[in-house]
Structures are given as structure tokens and as C-alpha cells.
Amino acid sequence: MGYEKDHANNVRSNIPLNTEWKYKRLTIAVDGYKIDAMIMGKESTLGNGRWLLASNGNGEFYEDRLGSREFKQIVSEINGNAIVFNYPGVGASSGLPNRQAMAKAYRAMLTFLEKEAEAREIIGHGYSMGGGVQGDALNDHKLKEDVKYVFVKKQTFSDIATAATHLTNSRVLGFIVRFFGWNTSSVESSKKLQAPEIIIQTADVEETIELTDSSKIVHDRAIPAEGSLAKVLLDDDQCPKANKTFFGVREDHMTELKSTSFLTNKIEAYLDA
């Protein structure tokens, strides 16, 4: 998708400020560069310690996420707050958008919530590539014992190289991705994750269902079934699944979820456990 030069600024300047939603922009320093972020919440929730940390898909701006019906619905239904951010080199965030920098930026947001915001509950929500960034970041982050966590990966690839190979029916692109160090993988991180995890993928279903095998998973218009995190983990007998829930949804990669209650109800159940 192409964007005008000042897309992020234009969208941000048009955020309505006369609603129940309150916003605060902040800058977080990471390794000498600056990450542009925004806090979103309501007066009734801003002090309750429940936070959702969103990591964007490829080419997304947090400014667009703030106006998303699905996103606001999720934050409202969990009765929480959200922090969104742009990856290095995107929007007003400085630096270069490489794999290591993106993971560091995510960890910086997570640390901000754990220390500065004094979060008691953190829901990490990674969409598409954002699920891979989340996984990369968690490989080198020790979760706090006094914080409850739930991590969501929506329509996320198993790893970029595999998804690229299946998408193009060519091993060349997968090799290029690996060669330049961009092969973000969600699989091993997910298998090691001790916190509860919810994985959502497009499936051949009439309505959202919980998946116990990968037979219904389909190409979601961006990620082939074989390149999806959900299928790889469901097909892996060595993957511990006791703390994981897999959902098959009708919506494809480019479509917002019509209903989010299946997700938010599961988040609440994990947090209350």
C-alpha cells in the first residue's frame, strides 16, 4: 500500500479529541534513536493496570491502528488501555527498520509498561509481521513474576522465509530473506513461551471456532496455510499446547474481525486463571 509523505502526521492530527478516548503521545529512546508511541485509554481505565501492547503488520502506522474499529473494540471489551508505536524508520520513529531494531523497540515498550506504567496485566497483540516482532523480542526478555501476561498472534507467519517460499513457489526469495538476516521466526519463540498464547488464523469456517488440528487452515490472502504459525505449531507434536489456544476465523488477512468477543473472552479467562 502506498502512503503520502506526511501520512502519519495527517492521520494523527485528525484524531478526534472530543470522545471518551484519551491520548498521550510519548517518545522512548532505544540505542540512540527515538521511538514514537501513543497511549490510548479512557478515564475509567487509565489507572487500572491493564495494558495492551500492539505491534504492527508490515507497512502499518500506529496512527491508523488508533482509528481501527476492531482495535477499539478489543481495548474496550478487555476494559483496558493500549500503547501503540511505530517501528524504527517508520513515521516519526528514527533509526533503521531492521529486525534487531524492531525487536529492541518492542522490548522497550514492554519495559515501559512493566516499570513506568506499573502494569499488572499485559496483553501483547501482534498482527502479521507484528507477531514475528513480538516473538523475536520475547526471546531476550525476562517476564516479570508479578505481572500477568497473555500474548496474541493474529495471522502470523511461521517464519518469513518459509512464507515467502510458499507464496512465490520459489526457494530463491526464501534464501534471500535468510541471507540478509530478515528471517524472523515465530515458531521457536512460541514453543518456549511460558505465558498463555492465543493464535488466530484464517480457516475454512462459517464462524469462529477453536482449532485442535490444522485441517481447516487456508491461505489468508497474504500467508499460505503452510507458512502460517498456527499450522506449523498444530502439526508439531513436540509443541507444548497446554497454555495455547488456536482460533480459526472466517476473515482473511486484510479484513478486520467482525466480532472480537471470542478473543477478549479468552484473554479474560487466561488473566483470571
Protein backbone atom coordinates (compact mmCIF):
# COMPACT_ATOMS: atom_id res chain seq x y z
CA MET A 1 0.00 0.00 0.00
CA GLY A 2 1.35 3.42 -0.91
CA TYR A 3 1.17 6.34 1.51
CA GLU A 4 1.57 10.06 1.05
CA LYS A 5 4.71 11.56 2.54
CA ASP A 6 3.02 13.04 5.62
CA HIS A 7 0.51 10.22 6.10
CA ALA A 8 1.31 9.58 9.78
CA ASN A 9 1.22 13.29 10.69
CA ASN A 10 -2.02 13.86 8.79
CA VAL A 11 -3.79 10.91 10.39
CA ARG A 12 -2.53 11.81 13.86
CA SER A 13 -3.63 15.44 13.52
CA ASN A 14 -7.16 14.27 12.68
CA ILE A 15 -7.62 12.05 15.71
CA PRO A 16 -10.86 13.25 17.38
CA LEU A 17 -10.14 14.52 20.87
CA ASN A 18 -13.72 15.10 21.99
CA THR A 19 -14.60 11.45 22.60
CA GLU A 20 -14.33 9.09 25.57
CA TRP A 21 -10.86 8.06 24.36
CA LYS A 22 -7.87 9.92 25.80
CA TYR A 23 -4.49 10.02 24.05
CA LYS A 24 -0.96 10.88 25.10
CA ARG A 25 1.99 10.86 22.73
CA LEU A 26 5.43 9.93 24.04
CA THR A 27 8.94 9.26 22.82
CA ILE A 28 11.04 6.36 24.10
CA ALA A 29 14.79 6.25 23.46
CA VAL A 30 16.35 2.99 22.27
CA ASP A 31 20.09 2.71 21.45
CA GLY A 32 20.39 6.37 20.45
CA TYR A 33 17.28 6.55 18.29
CA LYS A 34 13.75 7.55 19.21
CA ILE A 35 10.55 5.51 19.04
CA ASP A 36 7.32 7.43 18.56
CA ALA A 37 4.46 5.95 20.61
CA MET A 38 0.97 6.77 21.79
CA ILE A 39 -1.06 5.79 24.83
CA MET A 40 -4.81 5.33 24.45
CA GLY A 41 -7.36 4.77 27.18
CA LYS A 42 -10.41 6.06 28.99
CA GLU A 43 -10.59 7.99 32.23
CA SER A 44 -12.20 4.94 33.85
CA THR A 45 -9.36 2.58 32.84
CA LEU A 46 -6.12 4.55 32.77
CA GLY A 47 -5.25 3.65 36.35
CA ASN A 48 -6.35 0.02 36.38
CA GLY A 49 -3.00 -1.53 35.38
CA ARG A 50 -4.29 -3.47 32.35
CA TRP A 51 -2.46 -2.71 29.11
CA LEU A 52 -2.49 -3.95 25.54
CA LEU A 53 0.79 -3.62 23.61
CA ALA A 54 0.19 -3.61 19.86
CA SER A 55 2.85 -4.47 17.28
CA ASN A 56 2.01 -3.55 13.69
CA GLY A 57 2.00 -5.53 10.49
CA ASN A 58 4.26 -4.71 7.56
CA GLY A 59 3.76 -1.16 6.27
CA GLU A 60 1.35 -0.19 9.07
CA PHE A 61 1.40 3.01 11.11
CA TYR A 62 0.16 3.14 14.69
CA GLU A 63 -1.81 6.22 13.69
CA ASP A 64 -4.06 4.03 11.53
CA ARG A 65 -4.41 1.45 14.28
CA LEU A 66 -5.90 4.08 16.60
CA GLY A 67 -8.86 4.53 14.25
CA SER A 68 -9.49 0.81 13.77
CA ARG A 69 -12.95 -0.40 14.83
CA GLU A 70 -11.55 -3.85 15.69
CA PHE A 71 -8.74 -2.39 17.80
CA LYS A 72 -11.02 -0.09 19.81
CA GLN A 73 -13.46 -2.94 20.28
CA ILE A 74 -10.75 -5.18 21.75
CA VAL A 75 -9.44 -2.50 24.10
CA SER A 76 -12.99 -1.67 25.24
CA GLU A 77 -14.01 -5.29 25.78
CA ILE A 78 -10.97 -6.07 27.94
CA ASN A 79 -11.62 -2.85 29.90
CA GLY A 80 -8.01 -1.82 29.39
CA ASN A 81 -5.66 0.67 27.83
CA ALA A 82 -3.30 0.45 24.88
CA ILE A 83 0.15 1.54 23.83
CA VAL A 84 0.99 1.63 20.13
CA PHE A 85 4.25 2.52 18.42
CA ASN A 86 5.94 2.81 15.06
CA TYR A 87 8.96 0.67 14.25
CA PRO A 88 12.34 2.38 13.72
CA GLY A 89 12.34 4.31 10.45
CA VAL A 90 8.52 4.38 10.26
CA GLY A 91 6.54 7.59 10.75
CA ALA A 92 8.23 9.80 13.33
CA SER A 93 10.39 6.99 14.74
CA SER A 94 14.05 7.41 13.88
CA GLY A 95 16.61 4.72 13.09
CA LEU A 96 16.57 1.94 10.52
CA PRO A 97 13.82 -0.70 10.26
CA ASN A 98 15.91 -3.84 10.67
CA ARG A 99 14.99 -6.99 12.55
CA GLN A 100 17.14 -6.33 15.63
CA ALA A 101 15.98 -2.72 15.98
CA MET A 102 12.33 -3.70 15.74
CA ALA A 103 12.73 -6.31 18.48
CA LYS A 104 14.57 -3.80 20.69
CA ALA A 105 11.78 -1.26 20.17
CA TYR A 106 9.20 -3.85 21.25
CA ARG A 107 11.20 -4.73 24.36
CA ALA A 108 11.48 -1.03 25.19
CA MET A 109 7.67 -0.70 25.06
CA LEU A 110 7.27 -3.80 27.22
CA THR A 111 9.78 -2.48 29.75
CA PHE A 112 8.00 0.88 29.80
CA LEU A 113 4.74 -0.83 30.72
CA GLU A 114 6.38 -3.04 33.34
CA LYS A 115 8.33 -0.26 35.05
CA GLU A 116 6.98 3.19 34.22
CA ALA A 117 3.30 2.36 33.79
CA GLU A 118 3.41 -0.21 36.61
CA ALA A 119 1.26 -2.58 34.59
CA ARG A 120 -0.22 -5.54 36.43
CA GLU A 121 -1.57 -7.23 33.30
CA ILE A 122 -0.10 -7.01 29.78
CA ILE A 123 -1.69 -8.32 26.62
CA GLY A 124 0.71 -8.36 23.68
CA HIS A 125 -1.20 -8.20 20.39
CA GLY A 126 0.89 -8.81 17.28
CA TYR A 127 -0.70 -8.68 13.84
CA SER A 128 1.01 -10.38 10.88
CA MET A 129 4.68 -9.34 10.97
CA GLY A 130 3.96 -7.86 14.40
CA GLY A 131 3.57 -11.38 15.74
CA GLY A 132 7.06 -12.17 14.47
CA VAL A 133 8.45 -9.00 16.07
CA GLN A 134 6.75 -9.97 19.31
CA GLY A 135 8.31 -13.43 19.17
CA ASP A 136 11.78 -12.06 18.39
CA ALA A 137 11.54 -9.60 21.27
CA LEU A 138 10.41 -12.21 23.81
CA ASN A 139 13.44 -14.38 23.06
CA ASP A 140 15.54 -11.87 25.03
CA HIS A 141 13.10 -10.52 27.61
CA LYS A 142 12.51 -11.94 31.07
CA LEU A 143 8.86 -11.69 32.01
CA LYS A 144 8.18 -10.26 35.48
CA GLU A 145 6.79 -12.63 38.08
CA ASP A 146 4.33 -10.08 39.46
CA VAL A 147 2.75 -9.30 36.08
CA LYS A 148 0.17 -11.44 34.27
CA TYR A 149 0.76 -11.80 30.53
CA VAL A 150 -1.22 -13.03 27.54
CA PHE A 151 0.25 -12.89 24.04
CA VAL A 152 -1.88 -12.81 20.89
CA LYS A 153 -0.59 -13.51 17.40
CA LYS A 154 -3.10 -12.77 14.67
CA GLN A 155 -2.44 -14.12 11.16
CA THR A 156 1.28 -14.51 11.75
CA PHE A 157 3.76 -16.45 9.61
CA SER A 158 5.83 -19.34 10.93
CA ASP A 159 8.92 -17.57 9.58
CA ILE A 160 9.33 -15.06 6.76
CA ALA A 161 11.47 -17.32 4.57
CA THR A 162 9.02 -20.21 4.66
CA ALA A 163 6.05 -17.95 3.99
CA ALA A 164 7.92 -16.30 1.09
CA THR A 165 8.89 -19.66 -0.40
CA HIS A 166 5.32 -20.96 -0.34
CA LEU A 167 3.88 -17.66 -1.52
CA THR A 168 6.13 -17.43 -4.58
CA ASN A 169 6.62 -21.17 -5.11
CA SER A 170 10.34 -20.43 -5.26
CA ARG A 171 13.17 -21.09 -2.83
CA VAL A 172 15.12 -18.09 -4.11
CA LEU A 173 13.18 -15.48 -2.17
CA GLY A 174 13.38 -17.57 0.98
CA PHE A 175 17.17 -17.80 0.55
CA ILE A 176 17.42 -14.02 0.09
CA VAL A 177 15.40 -13.41 3.26
CA ARG A 178 17.72 -15.69 5.25
CA PHE A 179 20.89 -14.29 3.69
CA PHE A 180 20.11 -10.71 4.70
CA GLY A 181 19.14 -11.64 8.25
CA TRP A 182 15.42 -10.89 7.90
CA ASN A 183 14.16 -14.39 8.63
CA THR A 184 12.08 -13.57 11.67
CA SER A 185 10.74 -16.84 13.08
CA SER A 186 7.80 -17.14 15.43
CA VAL A 187 7.94 -20.89 15.95
CA GLU A 188 10.75 -21.49 18.45
CA SER A 189 9.86 -18.41 20.46
CA SER A 190 6.26 -19.57 20.68
CA LYS A 191 7.27 -23.09 21.73
CA LYS A 192 9.43 -21.67 24.55
CA LEU A 193 6.88 -19.11 25.73
CA GLN A 194 5.65 -19.83 29.25
CA ALA A 195 2.84 -17.26 29.23
CA PRO A 196 -0.58 -18.04 27.69
CA GLU A 197 -0.75 -17.53 23.93
CA ILE A 198 -3.70 -17.08 21.57
CA ILE A 199 -3.04 -17.74 17.88
CA ILE A 200 -5.59 -16.65 15.27
CA GLN A 201 -5.55 -17.77 11.64
CA THR A 202 -7.91 -17.70 8.67
CA ALA A 203 -9.73 -21.01 8.21
CA ASP A 204 -12.45 -22.60 6.13
CA VAL A 205 -15.17 -21.97 8.71
CA GLU A 206 -18.57 -20.27 8.79
CA GLU A 207 -17.93 -18.77 12.20
CA THR A 208 -15.01 -18.56 14.60
CA ILE A 209 -14.08 -21.91 16.15
CA GLU A 210 -11.30 -23.23 18.34
CA LEU A 211 -8.91 -25.35 16.29
CA THR A 212 -7.48 -28.64 17.52
CA ASP A 213 -5.78 -29.52 14.21
CA SER A 214 -4.70 -27.66 11.09
CA SER A 215 -7.07 -29.23 8.56
CA LYS A 216 -9.26 -26.13 8.18
CA ILE A 217 -6.46 -23.54 7.87
CA VAL A 218 -6.36 -21.85 4.45
CA HIS A 219 -4.40 -19.22 2.52
CA ASP A 220 -5.38 -15.88 4.07
CA ARG A 221 -4.53 -13.73 1.00
CA ALA A 222 -1.07 -12.97 2.43
CA ILE A 223 0.19 -16.09 4.21
CA PRO A 224 -0.23 -19.58 2.72
CA ALA A 225 -1.56 -22.21 5.12
CA GLU A 226 1.84 -23.98 5.08
CA GLY A 227 3.59 -20.76 6.08
CA SER A 228 1.29 -19.88 8.97
CA LEU A 229 2.37 -20.12 12.60
CA ALA A 230 -0.92 -21.79 13.52
CA LYS A 231 -0.47 -24.73 11.14
CA VAL A 232 3.19 -25.31 11.97
CA LEU A 233 2.52 -25.39 15.71
CA LEU A 234 -0.64 -27.51 15.43
CA ASP A 235 1.25 -30.03 13.29
CA ASP A 236 4.19 -30.17 15.71
CA ASP A 237 3.80 -32.99 18.25
CA GLN A 238 6.70 -31.52 20.24
CA CYS A 239 4.97 -28.14 20.71
CA PRO A 240 3.57 -27.74 24.25
CA LYS A 241 -0.04 -26.67 23.75
CA ALA A 242 -1.39 -26.62 27.32
CA ASN A 243 -1.16 -22.83 27.51
CA LYS A 244 -2.09 -22.14 23.88
CA THR A 245 -5.44 -21.58 22.17
CA PHE A 246 -5.84 -21.64 18.39
CA PHE A 247 -8.78 -19.93 16.73
CA GLY A 248 -9.89 -20.29 13.13
CA VAL A 249 -11.66 -17.21 11.78
CA ARG A 250 -13.51 -16.58 8.54
CA GLU A 251 -11.92 -13.16 7.96
CA ASP A 252 -8.85 -13.00 5.73
CA HIS A 253 -5.58 -11.16 6.28
CA MET A 254 -6.91 -7.84 5.01
CA THR A 255 -10.27 -7.86 6.83
CA GLU A 256 -11.00 -6.70 10.36
CA LEU A 257 -12.67 -9.15 12.70
CA LYS A 258 -16.42 -8.59 12.73
CA SER A 259 -16.68 -9.86 16.28
CA THR A 260 -13.87 -9.88 18.85
CA SER A 261 -15.69 -11.39 21.83
CA PHE A 262 -14.14 -14.86 21.27
CA LEU A 263 -10.70 -13.26 21.70
CA THR A 264 -11.45 -10.95 24.60
CA ASN A 265 -13.34 -13.66 26.50
CA LYS A 266 -10.31 -15.94 26.19
CA ILE A 267 -7.96 -13.15 27.28
CA GLU A 268 -10.13 -12.60 30.38
CA ALA A 269 -10.16 -16.32 31.12
CA TYR A 270 -6.36 -16.52 30.96
CA LEU A 271 -5.92 -13.43 33.13
CA ASP A 272 -8.40 -14.74 35.71
CA ALA A 273 -6.81 -18.21 35.88
